[in-house]
Amino acid sequence: YFTASDPAFMLIPAEGLKRLRGRVLSTVGALATLALSAVAVVNWYREQGQERWRAAVSWIVPLVRQGDGVVFMPPYVAGPFRYYEARMQAPHADSLPANQASERDRVWLVTSPVHAARFPRELDDVRAALSAQHRIEAQASFREVEIALFVRGRSEPE
């Protein structure tokens, strides 16, 4: 959302710097603006960082079987997943639309909580549909990436 408004936000400090009188004062203002931007970028990489798709794909690749399906929630997170999967030259599970997830015996649910937060009802619906006929056999979390393997058959009550 912010990408479209970035140019407008950049004009505000630019106008302020333009109004500063004197070369030294405007140079100091420009350097201060640059320093604040650098701090924000460093903090983003340190605290939030990037999603760990490479680690997630490395974990799932040896566990995938022929006939497995995978549901990406939201669907566009398939992009980074498939990118690393292709780089590893690994066999892959078939992508499934969410409404067909429960038709397979083994289904991987791959989510990015940051992105899936925009689609809470859809994610809950997929989990409910899978949980009705499947049990979670394996799951793992990586930075901002979560994976669960649903296998047909309910777990035995204890």
Protein backbone atom coordinates (compact mmCIF):
# COMPACT_ATOMS: atom_id res chain seq x y z
CA TYR A 1 0.00 0.00 0.00
CA PHE A 2 2.80 2.39 0.79
CA THR A 3 4.58 1.91 -2.52
CA ALA A 4 2.05 4.08 -4.34
CA SER A 5 2.38 6.87 -1.78
CA ASP A 6 6.18 6.77 -1.42
CA PRO A 7 6.83 9.51 -4.01
CA ALA A 8 4.53 11.89 -2.17
CA PHE A 9 6.23 11.16 1.15
CA MET A 10 9.64 11.74 -0.41
CA LEU A 11 8.58 15.20 -1.61
CA ILE A 12 7.87 16.39 1.91
CA PRO A 13 11.46 16.13 3.24
CA ALA A 14 12.78 17.25 -0.16
CA GLU A 15 10.75 20.44 0.08
CA GLY A 16 11.96 20.98 3.64
CA LEU A 17 15.58 20.54 2.58
CA LYS A 18 15.08 22.91 -0.32
CA ARG A 19 13.87 25.63 2.03
CA LEU A 20 16.94 25.39 4.26
CA ARG A 21 19.21 28.38 3.70
CA GLY A 22 22.88 27.83 3.10
CA ARG A 23 24.85 24.97 1.69
CA VAL A 24 26.07 23.65 5.08
CA LEU A 25 22.60 23.58 6.61
CA SER A 26 21.03 21.81 3.62
CA THR A 27 23.89 19.29 3.54
CA VAL A 28 23.41 18.54 7.25
CA GLY A 29 19.66 18.13 6.66
CA ALA A 30 20.24 15.76 3.76
CA LEU A 31 22.70 13.68 5.79
CA ALA A 32 20.28 13.51 8.73
CA THR A 33 17.51 12.31 6.42
CA LEU A 34 19.82 9.70 4.91
CA ALA A 35 20.91 8.49 8.37
CA LEU A 36 17.32 8.10 9.55
CA SER A 37 16.47 6.13 6.42
CA ALA A 38 19.49 3.87 6.91
CA VAL A 39 18.52 3.19 10.52
CA ALA A 40 15.00 2.22 9.44
CA VAL A 41 16.30 -0.19 6.78
CA VAL A 42 18.77 -1.83 9.19
CA ASN A 43 16.06 -2.25 11.82
CA TRP A 44 13.71 -3.80 9.29
CA TYR A 45 16.28 -6.43 8.27
CA ARG A 46 17.34 -7.06 11.87
CA GLU A 47 13.90 -7.31 13.48
CA GLN A 48 11.49 -8.34 10.77
CA GLY A 49 13.83 -9.48 8.10
CA GLN A 50 12.71 -11.49 5.20
CA GLU A 51 10.60 -14.58 5.13
CA ARG A 52 12.69 -17.74 5.26
CA TRP A 53 11.45 -19.42 2.10
CA ARG A 54 14.75 -21.16 1.33
CA ALA A 55 14.76 -22.86 4.75
CA ALA A 56 11.09 -23.78 4.43
CA VAL A 57 11.57 -25.36 1.02
CA SER A 58 14.70 -27.19 2.21
CA TRP A 59 12.63 -28.73 5.00
CA ILE A 60 9.68 -29.80 2.87
CA VAL A 61 11.53 -31.14 -0.23
CA PRO A 62 12.69 -34.46 1.26
CA LEU A 63 9.23 -35.09 2.73
CA VAL A 64 7.15 -34.57 -0.42
CA ARG A 65 5.70 -37.70 -2.03
CA GLN A 66 4.25 -38.20 -5.46
CA GLY A 67 0.57 -37.30 -5.41
CA ASP A 68 0.93 -34.74 -2.61
CA GLY A 69 -0.93 -31.48 -2.99
CA VAL A 70 -0.04 -28.10 -1.64
CA VAL A 71 -2.27 -25.16 -0.80
CA PHE A 72 -0.66 -21.75 -0.53
CA MET A 73 -2.41 -19.26 1.67
CA PRO A 74 -2.68 -16.67 0.32
CA PRO A 75 -2.15 -18.10 -3.17
CA TYR A 76 0.49 -15.57 -4.21
CA VAL A 77 3.01 -16.92 -1.68
CA ALA A 78 3.49 -19.80 -4.11
CA GLY A 79 5.92 -17.54 -5.99
CA PRO A 80 8.82 -17.50 -3.53
CA PHE A 81 8.19 -21.14 -2.59
CA ARG A 82 8.33 -22.32 -6.21
CA TYR A 83 11.39 -20.14 -6.86
CA TYR A 84 13.50 -21.95 -4.27
CA GLU A 85 11.99 -25.30 -5.16
CA ALA A 86 13.10 -24.85 -8.80
CA ARG A 87 16.59 -23.80 -7.71
CA MET A 88 16.87 -27.06 -5.75
CA GLN A 89 15.69 -29.04 -8.78
CA ALA A 90 13.33 -30.88 -6.49
CA PRO A 91 10.13 -32.79 -7.20
CA HIS A 92 7.15 -30.77 -6.17
CA ALA A 93 3.64 -31.23 -4.89
CA ASP A 94 0.77 -30.18 -7.12
CA SER A 95 -0.67 -26.75 -6.35
CA LEU A 96 -4.30 -27.01 -5.33
CA PRO A 97 -7.00 -24.39 -5.04
CA ALA A 98 -8.18 -24.14 -1.45
CA ASN A 99 -11.60 -25.64 -2.28
CA GLN A 100 -9.97 -28.86 -3.58
CA ALA A 101 -7.55 -29.37 -0.71
CA SER A 102 -9.50 -32.08 1.09
CA GLU A 103 -9.61 -34.30 -2.04
CA ARG A 104 -5.99 -35.47 -1.58
CA ASP A 105 -4.66 -37.94 0.96
CA ARG A 106 -1.66 -35.72 1.76
CA VAL A 107 -1.89 -31.95 1.62
CA TRP A 108 0.72 -29.39 2.56
CA LEU A 109 -0.60 -26.07 3.82
CA VAL A 110 1.99 -23.35 3.29
CA THR A 111 1.25 -19.97 4.82
CA SER A 112 2.93 -16.71 5.49
CA PRO A 113 1.24 -15.29 8.60
CA VAL A 114 2.05 -11.71 7.62
CA HIS A 115 0.22 -12.13 4.33
CA ALA A 116 -2.43 -14.59 5.52
CA ALA A 117 -3.53 -12.09 8.17
CA ARG A 118 -5.33 -10.28 5.36
CA PHE A 119 -7.40 -13.40 4.65
CA PRO A 120 -8.29 -14.83 8.09
CA ARG A 121 -11.63 -16.33 7.06
CA GLU A 122 -10.19 -18.07 4.01
CA LEU A 123 -7.32 -19.54 6.06
CA ASP A 124 -9.72 -20.73 8.77
CA ASP A 125 -11.94 -22.32 6.09
CA VAL A 126 -9.02 -24.24 4.57
CA ARG A 127 -7.83 -25.46 7.97
CA ALA A 128 -11.36 -26.52 8.93
CA ALA A 129 -11.89 -28.39 5.65
CA LEU A 130 -8.59 -30.22 6.03
CA SER A 131 -9.08 -30.96 9.73
CA ALA A 132 -12.45 -32.57 9.05
CA GLN A 133 -10.83 -35.51 7.22
CA HIS A 134 -7.12 -35.15 7.92
CA ARG A 135 -4.74 -34.98 10.85
CA ILE A 136 -1.59 -32.92 11.11
CA GLU A 137 1.36 -35.27 10.72
CA ALA A 138 4.19 -32.74 10.51
CA GLN A 139 4.59 -29.02 10.90
CA ALA A 140 7.36 -26.47 11.02
CA SER A 141 7.73 -22.73 11.38
CA PHE A 142 10.37 -20.56 9.83
CA ARG A 143 10.61 -16.80 9.99
CA GLU A 144 7.24 -15.70 8.63
CA VAL A 145 6.61 -19.06 6.92
CA GLU A 146 4.54 -21.89 8.37
CA ILE A 147 4.06 -25.35 6.90
CA ALA A 148 1.75 -28.15 7.98
CA LEU A 149 1.29 -31.59 6.44
CA PHE A 150 -2.28 -32.87 6.65
CA VAL A 151 -2.71 -36.64 6.12
CA ARG A 152 -6.09 -38.28 5.55
CA GLY A 153 -7.42 -40.08 8.60
CA ARG A 154 -8.36 -38.74 11.97
CA SER A 155 -6.03 -39.17 14.91
CA GLU A 156 -6.97 -41.76 17.47
CA PRO A 157 -8.53 -40.40 20.68
CA GLU A 158 -6.40 -40.97 23.73
